[in-house]
Amino acid sequence: MGEAAGNAIDSTRTPIQPGLIHLGFLTIQQEQGAWIGGYLVTNAWARPLEFRLTSAVQPSRVQQILYGPTLEPHLVADLIGKTLLDKTAVTAQVIVCDHPHATLLAGKVDSALTLIHSGQIPEGFKPLPNGPDWAAGLCVQSGDSEGGETASHVLGCIPVAVDLAEPFQRLKEAMQEARRLGGALPRAAG
């Protein structure tokens, strides 16, 4: 299965049919002091199944003082990321995040959380172990061995290479368009 695509399937686990694989793409951005998030769930071939976005979350000055340096991780993971994942009907086996704090949800959700990087693996992360060659741009939190193994297994069951950065472009464009239209799509957090 897919050896040409560089897949590394864990022989101790049962293969997953590609048609049953769902991938999540979670982006969280800060714009003009407010935070917004978007979540796209796709099938194994990166075709969209579900899309969610949040309205802007702008912490008050009191919240900024009280949370201090823990404010950003709280907003990204607990408030925006968790809300988006909880409101989504389709569960992804692997979620690819573009913000390191979003991976703090590891162990709090039923999905393996990975971080996409552009060559430099951030401190506190390690490369995805035994994943397919095309997933070399992913890493996991250093202490999340189970999530890393699960992500490698699931991605290894996909028979063709998937460009894991491309869905983020679509996700961000869809978020901009939805905001331009006045947020006509369902919102997950406020």
N, C-alpha and C. Protein backbone atom coordinates (compact mmCIF):
# COMPACT_ATOMS: atom_id res chain seq x y z
N MET A 1 0.83 -1.18 0.00
CA MET A 1 0.00 0.00 0.00
C MET A 1 0.87 1.24 0.00
N GLY A 2 0.93 1.96 -1.07
CA GLY A 2 1.53 3.27 -1.13
C GLY A 2 3.00 3.37 -0.85
N GLU A 3 3.77 2.34 -1.06
CA GLU A 3 5.20 2.44 -0.79
C GLU A 3 5.84 3.53 -1.63
N ALA A 4 5.31 3.78 -2.84
CA ALA A 4 5.86 4.82 -3.69
C ALA A 4 5.69 6.20 -3.08
N ALA A 5 4.66 6.37 -2.26
CA ALA A 5 4.43 7.66 -1.63
C ALA A 5 5.25 7.82 -0.35
N GLY A 6 6.03 6.82 0.00
CA GLY A 6 6.88 6.90 1.18
C GLY A 6 6.12 6.66 2.47
N ASN A 7 5.09 5.85 2.44
CA ASN A 7 4.31 5.57 3.64
C ASN A 7 5.02 4.56 4.54
N ALA A 8 4.97 4.82 5.81
CA ALA A 8 5.51 3.90 6.79
C ALA A 8 4.37 3.43 7.67
N ILE A 9 3.83 2.26 7.40
CA ILE A 9 2.70 1.75 8.16
C ILE A 9 3.21 0.87 9.29
N ASP A 10 2.70 1.15 10.48
CA ASP A 10 3.04 0.36 11.66
C ASP A 10 2.38 -1.00 11.53
N SER A 11 3.17 -2.04 11.38
CA SER A 11 2.63 -3.38 11.14
C SER A 11 1.95 -3.96 12.37
N THR A 12 2.12 -3.35 13.54
CA THR A 12 1.46 -3.86 14.75
C THR A 12 0.05 -3.31 14.90
N ARG A 13 -0.33 -2.35 14.08
CA ARG A 13 -1.66 -1.76 14.14
C ARG A 13 -2.45 -2.16 12.91
N THR A 14 -3.75 -2.19 13.06
CA THR A 14 -4.63 -2.52 11.94
C THR A 14 -4.68 -1.34 10.98
N PRO A 15 -4.46 -1.59 9.69
CA PRO A 15 -4.55 -0.49 8.71
C PRO A 15 -5.96 0.12 8.70
N ILE A 16 -6.02 1.41 8.43
CA ILE A 16 -7.28 2.13 8.34
C ILE A 16 -7.57 2.37 6.86
N GLN A 17 -8.77 2.09 6.43
CA GLN A 17 -9.15 2.36 5.05
C GLN A 17 -9.09 3.87 4.83
N PRO A 18 -8.45 4.34 3.76
CA PRO A 18 -8.35 5.79 3.52
C PRO A 18 -9.69 6.51 3.53
N GLY A 19 -10.76 5.85 3.09
CA GLY A 19 -12.07 6.48 3.08
C GLY A 19 -12.62 6.76 4.47
N LEU A 20 -12.02 6.18 5.50
CA LEU A 20 -12.46 6.38 6.88
C LEU A 20 -11.57 7.39 7.62
N ILE A 21 -10.57 7.91 6.95
CA ILE A 21 -9.63 8.83 7.59
C ILE A 21 -10.12 10.27 7.42
N HIS A 22 -10.11 11.00 8.54
CA HIS A 22 -10.45 12.41 8.53
C HIS A 22 -9.26 13.19 9.11
N LEU A 23 -8.89 14.24 8.40
CA LEU A 23 -7.80 15.11 8.85
C LEU A 23 -8.38 16.46 9.24
N GLY A 24 -7.86 17.05 10.30
CA GLY A 24 -8.28 18.38 10.73
C GLY A 24 -7.16 19.38 10.54
N PHE A 25 -7.52 20.58 10.18
CA PHE A 25 -6.55 21.67 10.00
C PHE A 25 -7.05 22.84 10.85
N LEU A 26 -6.29 23.16 11.89
CA LEU A 26 -6.68 24.17 12.87
C LEU A 26 -5.73 25.35 12.78
N THR A 27 -6.28 26.53 12.50
CA THR A 27 -5.47 27.74 12.46
C THR A 27 -6.03 28.74 13.46
N ILE A 28 -5.14 29.42 14.13
CA ILE A 28 -5.53 30.46 15.07
C ILE A 28 -4.61 31.65 14.82
N GLN A 29 -5.23 32.81 14.64
CA GLN A 29 -4.48 34.00 14.26
C GLN A 29 -4.86 35.17 15.15
N GLN A 30 -3.91 36.07 15.31
CA GLN A 30 -4.17 37.31 16.05
C GLN A 30 -4.21 38.45 15.05
N GLU A 31 -5.28 39.24 15.12
CA GLU A 31 -5.43 40.40 14.24
C GLU A 31 -5.92 41.58 15.05
N GLN A 32 -5.16 42.64 15.08
CA GLN A 32 -5.54 43.88 15.75
C GLN A 32 -5.97 43.65 17.20
N GLY A 33 -5.22 42.85 17.93
CA GLY A 33 -5.50 42.60 19.33
C GLY A 33 -6.55 41.54 19.61
N ALA A 34 -7.21 41.06 18.56
CA ALA A 34 -8.24 40.03 18.74
C ALA A 34 -7.73 38.72 18.15
N TRP A 35 -8.27 37.63 18.64
CA TRP A 35 -7.89 36.30 18.19
C TRP A 35 -9.06 35.67 17.46
N ILE A 36 -8.78 34.97 16.35
CA ILE A 36 -9.82 34.24 15.65
C ILE A 36 -9.27 32.89 15.24
N GLY A 37 -10.17 31.94 15.16
CA GLY A 37 -9.75 30.59 14.80
C GLY A 37 -10.63 30.02 13.72
N GLY A 38 -10.04 29.10 12.96
CA GLY A 38 -10.78 28.39 11.93
C GLY A 38 -10.37 26.93 11.94
N TYR A 39 -11.31 26.07 11.59
CA TYR A 39 -11.06 24.64 11.61
C TYR A 39 -11.71 24.01 10.38
N LEU A 40 -10.92 23.26 9.65
CA LEU A 40 -11.37 22.57 8.45
C LEU A 40 -11.13 21.09 8.64
N VAL A 41 -12.17 20.28 8.48
CA VAL A 41 -12.03 18.83 8.52
C VAL A 41 -12.16 18.34 7.09
N THR A 42 -11.22 17.48 6.69
CA THR A 42 -11.21 16.95 5.33
C THR A 42 -11.18 15.43 5.36
N ASN A 43 -11.36 14.85 4.19
CA ASN A 43 -11.13 13.41 4.08
C ASN A 43 -9.63 13.20 3.85
N ALA A 44 -9.22 11.99 3.58
CA ALA A 44 -7.79 11.67 3.43
C ALA A 44 -7.16 12.37 2.24
N TRP A 45 -7.98 12.81 1.29
CA TRP A 45 -7.47 13.47 0.09
C TRP A 45 -7.61 14.98 0.18
N ALA A 46 -7.84 15.49 1.39
CA ALA A 46 -7.94 16.92 1.70
C ALA A 46 -9.15 17.59 1.06
N ARG A 47 -10.21 16.80 0.83
CA ARG A 47 -11.47 17.39 0.35
C ARG A 47 -12.30 17.77 1.58
N PRO A 48 -12.90 18.97 1.57
CA PRO A 48 -13.58 19.46 2.78
C PRO A 48 -14.82 18.66 3.17
N LEU A 49 -14.96 18.45 4.48
CA LEU A 49 -16.13 17.80 5.05
C LEU A 49 -16.89 18.75 5.98
N GLU A 50 -16.14 19.60 6.70
CA GLU A 50 -16.76 20.54 7.63
C GLU A 50 -15.83 21.72 7.86
N PHE A 51 -16.42 22.90 8.05
CA PHE A 51 -15.67 24.14 8.26
C PHE A 51 -16.32 24.91 9.39
N ARG A 52 -15.51 25.37 10.31
CA ARG A 52 -15.98 26.18 11.43
C ARG A 52 -15.04 27.38 11.60
N LEU A 53 -15.60 28.48 12.12
CA LEU A 53 -14.76 29.60 12.50
C LEU A 53 -15.33 30.25 13.73
N THR A 54 -14.50 31.00 14.41
CA THR A 54 -14.95 31.72 15.60
C THR A 54 -15.14 33.18 15.26
N SER A 55 -15.92 33.84 16.07
CA SER A 55 -15.93 35.29 16.00
C SER A 55 -14.67 35.76 16.75
N ALA A 56 -14.34 37.02 16.59
CA ALA A 56 -13.14 37.54 17.22
C ALA A 56 -13.25 37.51 18.74
N VAL A 57 -12.17 37.10 19.38
CA VAL A 57 -12.09 37.08 20.84
C VAL A 57 -11.04 38.10 21.23
N GLN A 58 -11.48 39.14 21.95
CA GLN A 58 -10.55 40.19 22.36
C GLN A 58 -10.54 40.25 23.88
N PRO A 59 -9.42 39.83 24.48
CA PRO A 59 -9.36 39.85 25.94
C PRO A 59 -9.35 41.28 26.48
N SER A 60 -10.02 41.45 27.61
CA SER A 60 -10.05 42.77 28.25
C SER A 60 -8.69 43.03 28.92
N ARG A 61 -8.48 44.23 29.31
CA ARG A 61 -7.24 44.60 30.00
C ARG A 61 -7.14 43.83 31.33
N VAL A 62 -8.26 43.66 32.01
CA VAL A 62 -8.26 42.91 33.28
C VAL A 62 -7.84 41.46 33.02
N GLN A 63 -8.37 40.85 31.97
CA GLN A 63 -7.98 39.47 31.64
C GLN A 63 -6.49 39.40 31.29
N GLN A 64 -6.00 40.38 30.56
CA GLN A 64 -4.58 40.40 30.21
C GLN A 64 -3.72 40.44 31.47
N ILE A 65 -4.14 41.23 32.45
CA ILE A 65 -3.39 41.34 33.71
C ILE A 65 -3.47 40.03 34.49
N LEU A 66 -4.68 39.51 34.65
CA LEU A 66 -4.87 38.31 35.47
C LEU A 66 -4.20 37.07 34.87
N TYR A 67 -4.30 36.90 33.55
CA TYR A 67 -3.72 35.72 32.91
C TYR A 67 -2.22 35.87 32.69
N GLY A 68 -1.74 37.10 32.54
CA GLY A 68 -0.31 37.33 32.31
C GLY A 68 0.21 36.51 31.14
N PRO A 69 1.35 35.82 31.32
CA PRO A 69 1.95 35.06 30.22
C PRO A 69 1.16 33.81 29.83
N THR A 70 0.14 33.45 30.62
CA THR A 70 -0.66 32.27 30.28
C THR A 70 -1.86 32.63 29.41
N LEU A 71 -2.03 33.91 29.08
CA LEU A 71 -3.21 34.33 28.31
C LEU A 71 -3.21 33.72 26.91
N GLU A 72 -2.11 33.83 26.18
CA GLU A 72 -2.09 33.31 24.81
C GLU A 72 -2.34 31.81 24.76
N PRO A 73 -1.65 30.98 25.57
CA PRO A 73 -1.96 29.55 25.53
C PRO A 73 -3.42 29.26 25.89
N HIS A 74 -3.98 30.02 26.85
CA HIS A 74 -5.38 29.83 27.23
C HIS A 74 -6.31 30.16 26.06
N LEU A 75 -6.09 31.30 25.41
CA LEU A 75 -6.95 31.70 24.29
C LEU A 75 -6.86 30.70 23.15
N VAL A 76 -5.63 30.34 22.78
CA VAL A 76 -5.41 29.48 21.62
C VAL A 76 -5.94 28.07 21.85
N ALA A 77 -5.58 27.45 22.96
CA ALA A 77 -5.94 26.04 23.18
C ALA A 77 -7.31 25.91 23.84
N ASP A 78 -7.45 26.45 25.03
CA ASP A 78 -8.65 26.19 25.82
C ASP A 78 -9.90 26.90 25.31
N LEU A 79 -9.77 28.14 24.91
CA LEU A 79 -10.95 28.89 24.52
C LEU A 79 -11.30 28.68 23.04
N ILE A 80 -10.38 28.97 22.14
CA ILE A 80 -10.70 28.91 20.71
C ILE A 80 -10.58 27.49 20.17
N GLY A 81 -9.42 26.86 20.34
CA GLY A 81 -9.20 25.53 19.77
C GLY A 81 -10.18 24.49 20.28
N LYS A 82 -10.33 24.40 21.59
CA LYS A 82 -11.23 23.39 22.17
C LYS A 82 -12.67 23.64 21.75
N THR A 83 -13.08 24.89 21.71
CA THR A 83 -14.45 25.21 21.29
C THR A 83 -14.70 24.78 19.86
N LEU A 84 -13.76 25.07 18.98
CA LEU A 84 -13.92 24.66 17.58
C LEU A 84 -14.03 23.14 17.46
N LEU A 85 -13.17 22.42 18.15
CA LEU A 85 -13.19 20.96 18.06
C LEU A 85 -14.46 20.38 18.68
N ASP A 86 -14.92 20.95 19.78
CA ASP A 86 -16.13 20.46 20.44
C ASP A 86 -17.38 20.68 19.58
N LYS A 87 -17.42 21.75 18.80
CA LYS A 87 -18.60 22.09 17.99
C LYS A 87 -18.64 21.36 16.66
N THR A 88 -17.56 20.70 16.31
CA THR A 88 -17.47 20.04 15.01
C THR A 88 -18.08 18.64 15.09
N ALA A 89 -18.91 18.32 14.08
CA ALA A 89 -19.59 17.02 14.06
C ALA A 89 -18.68 15.88 13.60
N VAL A 90 -17.75 16.17 12.71
CA VAL A 90 -16.86 15.15 12.15
C VAL A 90 -15.55 15.15 12.93
N THR A 91 -15.22 14.02 13.54
CA THR A 91 -13.98 13.91 14.33
C THR A 91 -12.83 13.52 13.41
N ALA A 92 -11.75 14.27 13.52
CA ALA A 92 -10.54 13.96 12.76
C ALA A 92 -9.63 13.09 13.60
N GLN A 93 -9.00 12.08 12.97
CA GLN A 93 -8.05 11.25 13.71
C GLN A 93 -6.75 12.01 13.95
N VAL A 94 -6.37 12.86 13.00
CA VAL A 94 -5.15 13.66 13.11
C VAL A 94 -5.51 15.12 12.84
N ILE A 95 -5.06 16.00 13.73
CA ILE A 95 -5.27 17.43 13.55
C ILE A 95 -3.90 18.07 13.35
N VAL A 96 -3.80 18.84 12.28
CA VAL A 96 -2.59 19.59 11.97
C VAL A 96 -2.85 21.03 12.39
N CYS A 97 -2.01 21.54 13.27
CA CYS A 97 -2.15 22.91 13.80
C CYS A 97 -1.04 23.78 13.23
N ASP A 98 -1.31 25.08 13.13
CA ASP A 98 -0.24 25.99 12.70
C ASP A 98 0.19 26.92 13.83
N HIS A 99 -0.32 26.70 15.03
CA HIS A 99 0.08 27.49 16.21
C HIS A 99 0.52 26.50 17.29
N PRO A 100 1.74 26.65 17.81
CA PRO A 100 2.25 25.68 18.80
C PRO A 100 1.36 25.49 20.02
N HIS A 101 0.70 26.56 20.49
CA HIS A 101 -0.13 26.43 21.69
C HIS A 101 -1.36 25.56 21.45
N ALA A 102 -1.79 25.41 20.21
CA ALA A 102 -2.96 24.57 19.92
C ALA A 102 -2.68 23.11 20.27
N THR A 103 -1.42 22.71 20.23
CA THR A 103 -1.09 21.32 20.55
C THR A 103 -1.21 21.03 22.05
N LEU A 104 -1.46 22.06 22.85
CA LEU A 104 -1.69 21.84 24.28
C LEU A 104 -2.98 21.07 24.52
N LEU A 105 -3.78 20.91 23.48
CA LEU A 105 -5.01 20.12 23.58
C LEU A 105 -4.73 18.61 23.56
N ALA A 106 -3.48 18.24 23.32
CA ALA A 106 -3.12 16.81 23.31
C ALA A 106 -3.54 16.19 24.64
N GLY A 107 -4.24 15.08 24.56
CA GLY A 107 -4.74 14.40 25.74
C GLY A 107 -6.09 14.91 26.21
N LYS A 108 -6.54 16.06 25.69
CA LYS A 108 -7.85 16.61 26.06
C LYS A 108 -8.89 16.35 24.98
N VAL A 109 -8.44 15.88 23.82
CA VAL A 109 -9.34 15.56 22.72
C VAL A 109 -8.97 14.17 22.20
N ASP A 110 -9.86 13.59 21.42
CA ASP A 110 -9.65 12.22 20.93
C ASP A 110 -8.86 12.16 19.64
N SER A 111 -8.16 13.20 19.30
CA SER A 111 -7.39 13.25 18.06
C SER A 111 -5.91 13.41 18.38
N ALA A 112 -5.07 12.94 17.46
CA ALA A 112 -3.62 13.18 17.58
C ALA A 112 -3.34 14.58 17.07
N LEU A 113 -2.63 15.37 17.86
CA LEU A 113 -2.34 16.76 17.47
C LEU A 113 -0.91 16.88 16.99
N THR A 114 -0.76 17.50 15.82
CA THR A 114 0.56 17.73 15.25
C THR A 114 0.70 19.21 14.93
N LEU A 115 1.93 19.65 14.78
CA LEU A 115 2.23 21.03 14.43
C LEU A 115 2.97 21.03 13.11
N ILE A 116 2.52 21.85 12.17
CA ILE A 116 3.22 21.97 10.90
C ILE A 116 4.32 23.01 11.09
N HIS A 117 5.49 22.72 10.60
CA HIS A 117 6.61 23.65 10.74
C HIS A 117 7.26 23.83 9.36
N SER A 118 8.03 24.86 9.25
CA SER A 118 8.67 25.14 7.96
C SER A 118 10.18 24.93 8.04
N GLY A 119 10.59 23.79 8.53
CA GLY A 119 12.01 23.45 8.57
C GLY A 119 12.63 23.53 9.95
N GLN A 120 12.23 24.48 10.76
CA GLN A 120 12.77 24.64 12.10
C GLN A 120 11.77 24.10 13.11
N ILE A 121 12.11 23.01 13.78
CA ILE A 121 11.21 22.43 14.78
C ILE A 121 11.31 23.27 16.06
N PRO A 122 10.17 23.78 16.53
CA PRO A 122 10.20 24.63 17.73
C PRO A 122 10.67 23.88 18.96
N GLU A 123 11.17 24.62 19.92
CA GLU A 123 11.59 24.03 21.19
C GLU A 123 10.40 23.36 21.86
N GLY A 124 10.62 22.19 22.44
CA GLY A 124 9.56 21.45 23.10
C GLY A 124 8.81 20.50 22.17
N PHE A 125 9.28 20.40 20.92
CA PHE A 125 8.66 19.52 19.93
C PHE A 125 9.70 18.57 19.37
N LYS A 126 9.23 17.47 18.77
CA LYS A 126 10.12 16.51 18.13
C LYS A 126 9.49 16.12 16.79
N PRO A 127 10.31 15.64 15.85
CA PRO A 127 9.76 15.22 14.55
C PRO A 127 8.74 14.11 14.72
N LEU A 128 7.80 14.05 13.81
CA LEU A 128 6.81 12.97 13.80
C LEU A 128 7.55 11.66 13.61
N PRO A 129 7.41 10.71 14.54
CA PRO A 129 8.17 9.47 14.44
C PRO A 129 7.59 8.52 13.39
N ASN A 130 8.42 8.01 12.52
CA ASN A 130 8.03 6.98 11.55
C ASN A 130 6.88 7.36 10.64
N GLY A 131 6.67 8.63 10.42
CA GLY A 131 5.60 9.06 9.52
C GLY A 131 6.01 8.92 8.07
N PRO A 132 5.06 9.05 7.16
CA PRO A 132 5.40 8.99 5.75
C PRO A 132 6.30 10.17 5.38
N ASP A 133 7.10 10.00 4.35
CA ASP A 133 8.04 11.05 3.92
C ASP A 133 7.33 12.38 3.68
N TRP A 134 6.14 12.34 3.09
CA TRP A 134 5.43 13.58 2.76
C TRP A 134 4.94 14.33 4.00
N ALA A 135 5.01 13.72 5.18
CA ALA A 135 4.60 14.37 6.42
C ALA A 135 5.79 14.86 7.23
N ALA A 136 6.95 14.99 6.58
CA ALA A 136 8.17 15.39 7.28
C ALA A 136 8.07 16.79 7.88
N GLY A 137 7.12 17.60 7.44
CA GLY A 137 6.94 18.95 7.98
C GLY A 137 6.11 18.99 9.25
N LEU A 138 5.81 17.81 9.82
CA LEU A 138 5.02 17.76 11.05
C LEU A 138 5.88 17.39 12.25
N CYS A 139 5.50 17.91 13.39
CA CYS A 139 6.14 17.52 14.64
C CYS A 139 5.06 17.41 15.71
N VAL A 140 5.43 16.84 16.83
CA VAL A 140 4.52 16.69 17.97
C VAL A 140 5.23 17.18 19.21
N GLN A 141 4.44 17.46 20.25
CA GLN A 141 5.05 17.85 21.52
C GLN A 141 5.99 16.74 21.98
N SER A 142 7.10 17.12 22.56
CA SER A 142 8.11 16.14 22.97
C SER A 142 7.55 15.05 23.87
N GLY A 143 6.60 15.35 24.73
CA GLY A 143 6.05 14.37 25.65
C GLY A 143 4.85 13.61 25.11
N ASP A 144 4.46 13.85 23.87
CA ASP A 144 3.25 13.22 23.32
C ASP A 144 3.61 12.05 22.41
N SER A 145 4.18 11.00 22.99
CA SER A 145 4.57 9.83 22.21
C SER A 145 3.37 9.12 21.60
N GLU A 146 2.30 8.97 22.38
CA GLU A 146 1.11 8.29 21.87
C GLU A 146 0.50 9.04 20.68
N GLY A 147 0.40 10.35 20.80
CA GLY A 147 -0.13 11.16 19.70
C GLY A 147 0.74 11.06 18.46
N GLY A 148 2.05 11.06 18.65
CA GLY A 148 2.97 10.93 17.52
C GLY A 148 2.83 9.59 16.82
N GLU A 149 2.72 8.53 17.61
CA GLU A 149 2.56 7.19 17.01
C GLU A 149 1.23 7.06 16.28
N THR A 150 0.18 7.60 16.88
CA THR A 150 -1.14 7.55 16.24
C THR A 150 -1.13 8.34 14.93
N ALA A 151 -0.59 9.55 14.96
CA ALA A 151 -0.53 10.37 13.75
C ALA A 151 0.26 9.67 12.66
N SER A 152 1.40 9.08 13.02
CA SER A 152 2.22 8.38 12.03
C SER A 152 1.46 7.21 11.42
N HIS A 153 0.75 6.46 12.26
CA HIS A 153 -0.02 5.32 11.77
C HIS A 153 -1.12 5.76 10.82
N VAL A 154 -1.93 6.73 11.23
CA VAL A 154 -3.05 7.20 10.41
C VAL A 154 -2.54 7.75 9.09
N LEU A 155 -1.55 8.63 9.15
CA LEU A 155 -1.03 9.22 7.91
C LEU A 155 -0.39 8.16 7.02
N GLY A 156 0.22 7.15 7.63
CA GLY A 156 0.83 6.07 6.87
C GLY A 156 -0.18 5.21 6.13
N CYS A 157 -1.45 5.29 6.50
CA CYS A 157 -2.51 4.53 5.82
C CYS A 157 -3.06 5.27 4.61
N ILE A 158 -2.64 6.50 4.40
CA ILE A 158 -3.09 7.27 3.24
C ILE A 158 -2.18 6.89 2.07
N PRO A 159 -2.75 6.37 0.98
CA PRO A 159 -1.93 5.81 -0.10
C PRO A 159 -1.24 6.82 -1.02
N VAL A 160 -1.58 8.09 -0.91
CA VAL A 160 -0.95 9.11 -1.77
C VAL A 160 -0.45 10.25 -0.89
N ALA A 161 0.56 10.94 -1.37
CA ALA A 161 1.09 12.07 -0.63
C ALA A 161 0.05 13.19 -0.55
N VAL A 162 -0.04 13.82 0.61
CA VAL A 162 -0.96 14.93 0.82
C VAL A 162 -0.12 16.16 1.16
N ASP A 163 -0.39 17.28 0.48
CA ASP A 163 0.27 18.54 0.80
C ASP A 163 -0.42 19.10 2.04
N LEU A 164 0.18 18.96 3.19
CA LEU A 164 -0.46 19.35 4.45
C LEU A 164 -0.47 20.85 4.69
N ALA A 165 0.27 21.62 3.91
CA ALA A 165 0.25 23.08 4.05
C ALA A 165 -0.88 23.69 3.22
N GLU A 166 -1.25 23.07 2.12
CA GLU A 166 -2.23 23.65 1.21
C GLU A 166 -3.60 23.88 1.83
N PRO A 167 -4.16 22.95 2.63
CA PRO A 167 -5.47 23.22 3.22
C PRO A 167 -5.50 24.48 4.10
N PHE A 168 -4.36 24.86 4.67
CA PHE A 168 -4.32 26.08 5.47
C PHE A 168 -4.57 27.31 4.60
N GLN A 169 -4.10 27.29 3.35
CA GLN A 169 -4.37 28.41 2.44
C GLN A 169 -5.86 28.52 2.18
N ARG A 170 -6.51 27.39 1.90
CA ARG A 170 -7.96 27.40 1.66
C ARG A 170 -8.72 27.82 2.91
N LEU A 171 -8.28 27.32 4.05
CA LEU A 171 -8.93 27.64 5.32
C LEU A 171 -8.87 29.14 5.59
N LYS A 172 -7.70 29.74 5.43
CA LYS A 172 -7.55 31.17 5.69
C LYS A 172 -8.35 32.01 4.70
N GLU A 173 -8.39 31.61 3.43
CA GLU A 173 -9.19 32.32 2.43
C GLU A 173 -10.68 32.21 2.76
N ALA A 174 -11.12 31.03 3.17
CA ALA A 174 -12.53 30.84 3.54
C ALA A 174 -12.89 31.68 4.76
N MET A 175 -11.97 31.78 5.72
CA MET A 175 -12.22 32.61 6.90
C MET A 175 -12.37 34.06 6.50
N GLN A 176 -11.50 34.55 5.62
CA GLN A 176 -11.59 35.94 5.16
C GLN A 176 -12.90 36.18 4.43
N GLU A 177 -13.28 35.25 3.57
CA GLU A 177 -14.52 35.40 2.81
C GLU A 177 -15.73 35.37 3.74
N ALA A 178 -15.75 34.48 4.70
CA ALA A 178 -16.86 34.41 5.64
C ALA A 178 -16.97 35.69 6.46
N ARG A 179 -15.86 36.25 6.87
CA ARG A 179 -15.89 37.51 7.62
C ARG A 179 -16.34 38.65 6.72
N ARG A 180 -15.93 38.63 5.45
CA ARG A 180 -16.35 39.66 4.50
C ARG A 180 -17.86 39.62 4.30
N LEU A 181 -18.41 38.42 4.29
CA LEU A 181 -19.85 38.25 4.10
C LEU A 181 -20.64 38.46 5.39
N GLY A 182 -19.94 38.80 6.46
CA GLY A 182 -20.62 39.06 7.72
C GLY A 182 -20.80 37.83 8.58
N GLY A 183 -19.97 36.82 8.32
CA GLY A 183 -20.02 35.62 9.17
C GLY A 183 -21.27 34.81 8.99
N ALA A 184 -21.70 34.62 7.75
CA ALA A 184 -22.91 33.86 7.47
C ALA A 184 -22.79 32.39 7.85
N LEU A 185 -21.58 31.91 8.08
CA LEU A 185 -21.39 30.51 8.45
C LEU A 185 -21.52 30.34 9.95
N PRO A 186 -21.77 29.11 10.41
CA PRO A 186 -21.89 28.86 11.86
C PRO A 186 -20.63 29.28 12.59
N ARG A 187 -20.81 29.85 13.77
CA ARG A 187 -19.68 30.28 14.58
C ARG A 187 -19.56 29.37 15.78
N ALA A 188 -18.33 29.17 16.23
CA ALA A 188 -18.11 28.24 17.33
C ALA A 188 -17.89 28.93 18.68
N ALA A 189 -17.33 30.10 18.71
CA ALA A 189 -17.04 30.75 19.99
C ALA A 189 -17.29 32.22 19.86
N GLY A 190 -17.50 32.88 20.93
CA GLY A 190 -17.76 34.30 20.85
C GLY A 190 -17.13 35.01 21.91
